[in-house]
Amino acid sequence: MSKNTICLWYDKDAEAAARFYAATFPDSAVGAVHHAPSDYPGGKEGDALTVEFTLSRPQRRSRIQA
């Protein structure tokens, strides 16, 4: 089974977005969340810099016709 790796870009609220997606799709989860250790240009200490999450693949239904 092939896997896809997709990158989503959010200027703000990346962690909230990942939690929304994980709550929307069953068997999905938020993994590592990396926060800024200090203020930086355009952001503040504690802002989510990267968020890893896994979305489940929808179950495929097979149909056999006789």
Protein backbone atom coordinates (compact mmCIF):
# COMPACT_ATOMS: atom_id res chain seq x y z
CA MET A 1 0.00 0.00 0.00
CA SER A 2 1.44 3.35 -0.96
CA LYS A 3 1.67 6.28 1.44
CA ASN A 4 1.42 9.97 0.72
CA THR A 5 3.21 12.67 2.64
CA ILE A 6 1.48 16.00 2.41
CA CYS A 7 2.69 19.33 3.74
CA LEU A 8 0.12 21.92 4.85
CA TRP A 9 1.16 25.48 5.62
CA TYR A 10 -0.60 27.62 8.21
CA ASP A 11 0.57 31.08 9.23
CA LYS A 12 -1.28 30.70 12.55
CA ASP A 13 -3.24 27.99 14.36
CA ALA A 14 -1.44 24.98 12.86
CA GLU A 15 -1.87 22.98 16.04
CA ALA A 16 -5.61 23.74 16.19
CA ALA A 17 -5.97 22.75 12.54
CA ALA A 18 -4.16 19.44 13.08
CA ARG A 19 -6.34 18.69 16.13
CA PHE A 20 -9.44 19.49 14.05
CA TYR A 21 -8.40 17.08 11.29
CA ALA A 22 -7.50 14.37 13.81
CA ALA A 23 -10.90 14.75 15.51
CA THR A 24 -12.73 14.68 12.17
CA PHE A 25 -11.23 11.46 10.80
CA PRO A 26 -11.44 8.28 12.94
CA ASP A 27 -8.17 6.56 13.89
CA SER A 28 -6.19 9.78 13.33
CA ALA A 29 -3.82 11.41 15.78
CA VAL A 30 -1.65 14.43 16.46
CA GLY A 31 1.97 13.47 17.06
CA ALA A 32 4.88 15.75 17.84
CA VAL A 33 4.28 19.47 18.26
CA HIS A 34 7.40 21.64 18.15
CA HIS A 35 7.10 25.06 19.79
CA ALA A 36 9.29 28.13 19.41
CA PRO A 37 11.68 28.32 22.37
CA SER A 38 11.69 32.13 22.29
CA ASP A 39 10.26 35.12 20.43
CA TYR A 40 11.26 35.32 16.77
CA PRO A 41 10.53 37.71 13.91
CA GLY A 42 6.81 37.39 13.26
CA GLY A 43 6.08 35.16 16.23
CA LYS A 44 6.19 34.59 19.94
CA GLU A 45 7.67 32.06 22.32
CA GLY A 46 5.46 28.97 22.43
CA ASP A 47 4.02 29.32 18.94
CA ALA A 48 3.68 25.96 17.17
CA LEU A 49 6.38 25.78 14.49
CA THR A 50 5.69 22.28 13.21
CA VAL A 51 2.90 19.83 13.97
CA GLU A 52 3.00 16.20 12.93
CA PHE A 53 -0.27 14.37 12.50
CA THR A 54 -1.55 11.22 10.85
CA LEU A 55 -4.89 10.87 9.15
CA SER A 56 -6.45 7.47 8.74
CA ARG A 57 -7.31 6.19 5.35
CA PRO A 58 -11.04 5.72 4.84
CA GLN A 59 -12.06 2.10 4.76
CA ARG A 60 -12.72 0.88 1.26
CA ARG A 61 -15.72 -1.26 0.70
CA SER A 62 -15.48 -4.11 -1.72
CA ARG A 63 -18.48 -5.26 -3.63
CA ILE A 64 -18.71 -8.65 -5.26
CA GLN A 65 -21.49 -9.24 -7.66
CA ALA A 66 -22.61 -12.71 -8.62
